Protein backbone atom coordinates (compact mmCIF):
# COMPACT_ATOMS: atom_id res chain seq x y z
CA MET A 1 -3.00 -8.51 -23.14
CA GLY A 2 -1.97 -8.19 -19.72
CA LYS A 3 -4.11 -9.99 -16.89
CA LEU A 4 -4.94 -5.94 -16.03
CA ALA A 5 -6.29 -5.17 -19.81
CA ASP A 6 -8.31 -2.91 -19.71
CA LYS A 7 -8.97 -2.07 -16.23
CA THR A 8 -8.80 1.71 -14.60
CA ALA A 9 -7.07 1.92 -11.47
CA ILE A 10 -6.32 4.58 -8.74
CA ILE A 11 -3.19 4.35 -6.95
CA THR A 12 -2.19 6.69 -3.91
CA GLY A 13 1.29 6.80 -2.67
CA ALA A 14 2.62 6.04 -6.27
CA ALA A 15 5.50 8.48 -6.52
CA SER A 16 8.07 6.60 -5.17
CA GLY A 17 8.74 3.15 -3.71
CA ILE A 18 5.87 0.42 -3.51
CA GLY A 19 3.25 2.97 -5.41
CA ARG A 20 5.35 4.16 -8.38
CA ALA A 21 6.44 0.16 -8.78
CA SER A 22 2.85 -1.22 -9.21
CA ALA A 23 2.06 2.03 -11.54
CA LEU A 24 4.30 0.86 -13.93
CA LEU A 25 3.64 -2.93 -13.16
CA PHE A 26 -0.43 -2.30 -13.45
CA ALA A 27 0.54 -0.19 -16.63
CA GLU A 28 2.87 -2.80 -18.11
CA GLN A 29 -0.18 -5.35 -17.56
CA GLY A 30 -2.71 -3.01 -19.44
CA ALA A 31 -4.86 -0.82 -16.87
CA ARG A 32 -4.81 2.77 -17.46
CA VAL A 33 -3.55 4.08 -14.36
CA PHE A 34 -5.29 7.30 -12.14
CA ILE A 35 -1.43 8.36 -9.97
CA ALA A 36 -1.74 10.28 -7.11
CA ASP A 37 0.74 11.86 -4.52
CA ARG A 38 1.83 14.51 -2.41
CA SER A 39 4.90 14.95 -4.38
CA GLU A 40 5.05 16.24 -7.01
CA ALA A 41 7.15 13.97 -8.29
CA VAL A 42 4.14 11.74 -9.55
CA ARG A 43 3.78 13.71 -12.89
CA GLU A 44 7.40 11.66 -13.39
CA VAL A 45 5.88 7.97 -12.73
CA ALA A 46 2.77 9.45 -15.19
CA ALA A 47 4.96 10.96 -17.65
CA GLU A 48 7.62 6.97 -17.38
CA ILE A 49 4.47 5.23 -18.48
CA GLY A 50 2.79 7.73 -20.93
CA ASP A 51 -1.05 7.74 -22.05
CA ALA A 52 -1.58 5.53 -19.75
CA ALA A 53 -1.36 7.39 -16.73
CA ALA A 54 -2.78 10.73 -15.54
CA ALA A 55 -1.04 12.14 -12.03
CA PHE A 56 -2.92 14.05 -9.46
CA ILE A 57 -1.10 16.21 -6.34
CA GLY A 58 -2.54 15.74 -3.49
CA ASP A 59 -3.51 14.75 0.35
CA ALA A 60 -4.56 11.09 0.60
CA GLY A 61 -6.09 11.77 3.92
CA ASP A 62 -8.25 14.68 2.61
CA LYS A 63 -11.52 13.72 1.66
CA THR A 64 -12.14 16.30 -0.66
CA PHE A 65 -8.92 15.82 -2.50
CA ILE A 66 -10.03 12.21 -2.47
CA ASP A 67 -13.03 12.36 -3.61
CA GLY A 68 -12.19 14.79 -6.03
CA LEU A 69 -9.89 12.13 -7.46
CA VAL A 70 -12.42 9.22 -7.52
CA ALA A 71 -14.94 11.73 -9.47
CA ALA A 72 -12.53 12.60 -11.78
CA VAL A 73 -11.86 9.32 -12.65
CA THR A 74 -15.03 8.01 -13.01
CA ALA A 75 -16.22 10.62 -15.11
CA HIS A 76 -14.20 8.65 -17.97
CA GLY A 77 -15.96 5.36 -16.40
CA PRO A 78 -16.53 2.89 -14.54
CA LEU A 79 -13.62 2.16 -11.15
CA ASP A 80 -12.26 -1.24 -11.33
CA ILE A 81 -9.39 -1.05 -8.98
CA ALA A 82 -8.23 0.99 -6.19
CA PHE A 83 -5.07 0.77 -4.52
CA ALA A 84 -5.14 3.07 -0.85
CA ASN A 85 -1.04 2.63 -0.82
CA ALA A 86 -0.40 5.92 0.56
CA GLY A 87 1.33 6.09 3.74
CA ILE A 88 4.06 8.08 6.45
CA SER A 89 6.07 6.64 8.96
CA GLY A 90 5.25 8.59 11.69
CA GLY A 91 9.28 8.54 13.38
CA MET A 92 10.11 6.60 15.85
CA ASN A 93 10.12 8.61 18.56
CA ARG A 94 9.36 5.94 21.70
CA LEU A 95 6.37 5.89 23.62
CA LEU A 96 6.62 8.66 26.63
CA ASP A 97 7.88 10.78 24.12
CA LEU A 98 5.51 11.02 21.34
CA GLU A 99 2.44 14.13 20.91
CA VAL A 100 -0.64 13.81 20.05
CA SER A 101 0.55 15.56 16.90
CA GLU A 102 2.60 12.33 15.71
CA TRP A 103 -0.47 10.43 16.36
CA GLU A 104 -3.15 12.45 14.47
CA GLU A 105 -0.63 12.88 11.30
CA VAL A 106 -0.28 9.26 11.16
CA LEU A 107 -4.10 7.97 11.54
CA ARG A 108 -4.65 10.46 9.03
CA VAL A 109 -2.89 9.71 6.37
CA ASN A 110 -2.12 5.67 7.11
CA LEU A 111 -6.03 4.85 8.52
CA ILE A 112 -7.81 7.93 7.59
CA GLY A 113 -6.80 8.31 3.80
CA ALA A 114 -7.66 4.08 3.36
CA PHE A 115 -10.82 5.30 4.51
CA LEU A 116 -11.54 7.90 2.56
CA LEU A 117 -10.23 6.10 -1.14
CA VAL A 118 -11.85 2.93 0.12
CA GLN A 119 -15.61 4.48 0.74
CA ALA A 120 -15.16 6.71 -1.94
CA SER A 121 -14.11 3.98 -4.64
CA ALA A 122 -16.80 1.21 -3.11
CA ARG A 123 -19.53 3.47 -4.10
CA GLU A 124 -18.59 3.91 -7.44
CA MET A 125 -17.98 0.02 -7.58
CA MET A 126 -21.31 -1.00 -6.78
CA LYS A 127 -22.93 0.79 -9.40
CA ALA A 128 -21.10 -1.57 -11.74
CA GLY A 129 -21.40 -4.76 -9.53
CA LYS A 130 -17.65 -5.21 -9.10
CA GLY A 131 -14.30 -3.92 -8.10
CA ALA A 132 -11.15 -4.55 -6.43
CA ILE A 133 -9.53 -3.04 -3.28
CA LEU A 134 -6.21 -3.21 -2.18
CA CYS A 135 -4.71 -1.19 0.75
CA THR A 136 -1.34 -1.33 2.33
CA ALA A 137 -0.72 -2.60 6.03
CA SER A 138 2.74 -3.77 7.17
CA VAL A 139 4.55 -6.40 9.49
CA ALA A 140 4.08 -4.16 11.89
CA GLY A 141 0.49 -3.66 12.40
CA ILE A 142 0.80 -7.77 12.79
CA ARG A 143 3.30 -8.00 15.69
CA SER A 144 5.85 -5.16 17.28
CA GLY A 145 9.38 -4.27 16.58
CA ALA A 146 8.41 -2.99 13.23
CA GLY A 147 7.49 0.30 13.53
CA GLY A 148 6.56 3.17 15.96
CA SER A 149 3.98 2.87 18.55
CA PRO A 150 1.68 5.05 16.03
CA TYR A 151 2.55 3.25 12.39
CA SER A 152 2.26 -0.16 13.25
CA ALA A 153 -1.44 0.80 14.98
CA SER A 154 -2.26 2.50 11.77
CA LYS A 155 -1.37 -0.82 10.12
CA ALA A 156 -3.11 -2.96 12.83
CA GLY A 157 -5.86 -0.53 12.22
CA VAL A 158 -5.77 -0.91 8.09
CA ILE A 159 -5.67 -4.78 8.12
CA ASN A 160 -9.10 -4.80 10.88
CA PHE A 161 -10.48 -2.22 8.56
CA VAL A 162 -9.84 -4.56 5.37
CA GLN A 163 -11.84 -7.46 7.24
CA THR A 164 -14.50 -5.59 8.58
CA SER A 165 -15.26 -3.80 5.12
CA ALA A 166 -14.91 -7.17 3.43
CA TYR A 167 -18.27 -8.17 5.29
CA GLN A 168 -19.74 -4.55 5.03
CA LEU A 169 -19.60 -5.05 1.19
CA SER A 170 -20.75 -8.41 1.04
CA GLY A 171 -22.88 -8.76 -1.91
CA THR A 172 -21.31 -5.77 -3.80
CA GLY A 173 -19.01 -8.18 -6.10
CA ILE A 174 -16.50 -5.64 -4.56
CA ARG A 175 -13.06 -7.45 -2.87
CA ILE A 176 -10.83 -5.75 -0.61
CA ASN A 177 -7.45 -7.26 1.00
CA ALA A 178 -4.33 -5.60 2.60
CA ILE A 179 -0.89 -6.69 1.80
CA CYS A 180 1.68 -6.47 4.73
CA PRO A 181 5.19 -5.84 3.72
CA GLY A 182 8.48 -6.43 5.38
CA VAL A 183 11.57 -4.58 4.88
CA ILE A 184 10.97 -2.47 1.41
CA GLU A 185 13.40 -0.30 0.25
CA THR A 186 11.14 2.61 -0.37
CA GLY A 187 11.41 6.36 -0.10
CA MET A 188 10.33 5.68 3.57
CA THR A 189 13.06 3.34 4.50
CA GLN A 190 15.62 5.60 2.39
CA PRO A 191 17.79 6.97 5.69
CA MET A 192 18.30 3.65 7.10
CA PHE A 193 19.25 2.19 3.92
CA ASP A 194 21.46 5.04 3.52
CA MET A 195 23.22 4.48 6.71
CA ALA A 196 23.71 1.28 6.02
CA ARG A 197 25.68 1.67 3.00
CA GLU A 198 27.78 4.42 4.54
CA ARG A 199 28.52 2.73 7.63
CA GLY A 200 28.69 -0.83 5.43
CA THR A 201 26.25 -2.61 7.28
CA GLU A 202 23.78 -3.35 4.06
CA GLY A 203 24.09 -6.89 4.20
CA LYS A 204 22.58 -7.22 7.86
CA ILE A 205 18.93 -5.05 6.59
CA GLY A 206 16.78 -7.89 6.85
CA GLN A 207 19.06 -11.01 8.36
CA LEU A 208 16.36 -11.52 10.86
CA ASN A 209 14.29 -13.06 7.99
CA PRO A 210 14.03 -16.54 6.03
CA LEU A 211 15.64 -15.05 3.09
CA LYS A 212 18.02 -12.74 4.79
CA ARG A 213 17.98 -9.97 2.56
CA ALA A 214 15.52 -6.87 2.22
CA ALA A 215 13.05 -6.75 -1.11
CA GLN A 216 12.39 -4.18 -3.95
CA PRO A 217 9.33 -2.11 -4.15
CA ILE A 218 8.72 -4.60 -7.36
CA GLU A 219 8.04 -7.40 -5.17
CA VAL A 220 5.59 -5.98 -3.23
CA ALA A 221 4.06 -4.88 -6.90
CA ARG A 222 4.04 -8.11 -8.02
CA LEU A 223 1.79 -9.08 -4.80
CA ALA A 224 -0.14 -6.06 -5.48
CA ALA A 225 -0.87 -6.43 -9.19
CA PHE A 226 -2.32 -10.06 -8.51
CA LEU A 227 -4.56 -9.76 -5.54
CA VAL A 228 -5.95 -6.93 -8.34
CA SER A 229 -6.40 -8.76 -10.90
CA ASP A 230 -9.61 -11.57 -11.70
CA ASP A 231 -6.74 -14.49 -10.61
CA ALA A 232 -7.24 -13.26 -7.51
CA SER A 233 -11.13 -13.17 -8.05
CA TYR A 234 -11.90 -15.68 -4.30
CA VAL A 235 -9.10 -13.99 -2.09
CA ASN A 236 -11.07 -11.71 -0.01
CA GLY A 237 -11.15 -9.47 2.89
CA GLN A 238 -7.18 -10.73 3.59
CA ALA A 239 -4.19 -9.43 4.93
CA VAL A 240 -1.20 -10.64 2.45
CA ALA A 241 2.47 -11.20 4.15
CA VAL A 242 5.12 -10.14 1.81
CA ASP A 243 8.24 -9.90 3.96
CA GLY A 244 10.61 -12.88 3.30
CA GLY A 245 9.22 -15.07 5.79
CA LEU A 246 9.78 -12.76 8.96
CA SER A 247 6.56 -12.80 10.55
CA ALA A 248 5.93 -16.72 10.04
CA SER A 249 8.06 -16.84 13.32
CA HIS A 250 8.29 -15.71 17.04
CA PRO A 251 11.48 -13.97 17.68
CA VAL A 252 14.37 -16.64 17.39
CA VAL A 253 18.06 -16.56 16.64
CA PRO A 254 18.31 -18.03 13.40
CA GLY A 255 20.44 -21.04 13.51
CA LYS A 256 20.44 -21.82 17.32
CA ILE A 257 16.85 -23.82 17.68
CA TRP A 258 17.66 -26.68 15.52
């Protein structure tokens, strides 16, 4: 049996990218996964997994949907794992060109969406006295240069929210952590990858990190699976980067400092 055998997990943003890879991996490791996304493609992911999955269509930033999702899952038994992964990029508009509506939508999905799933899941997990919660942040939330202003601020908010939540959940037996992906080929970043391939510059993507490459979603999913498993039983309140080493340094020109 896998490390997540007999666990019940919710994953948002599971129609593609990190969420899809995590759903497949969690199921492979024995979990029953309840996967959600606003894209109908989440049904295809559930079909790919089979009987161990159920799909829900809805907006991760909508309280009514998230509360209903958690209620539907816990009607069948305890909730062990919640992975607030859903997010949007919000584009790359410059500071002086940004509209309030752009900020509101990115914060609603990326930050409030994480809050909604964490809150609803924690209330249920407290009944069992245990649980593992994970949120997708980003290296953009650690330093500038990896996303637009609203996106970066939202992910910095996710990191701080995870840290404060770990302490607000003291004594409940619930762990909460964040992952901070770097350059990953997902639905969100696909236009960048497609453009680079058209120009013949795909090899330059990820050139600033020590591994000098981008990552695939499964490389993030493996970390996610570890953090929600009992193997990470003493990991709590952390924001763990999975970025090829990008966030380990101040900006330098590789090979020029030594």
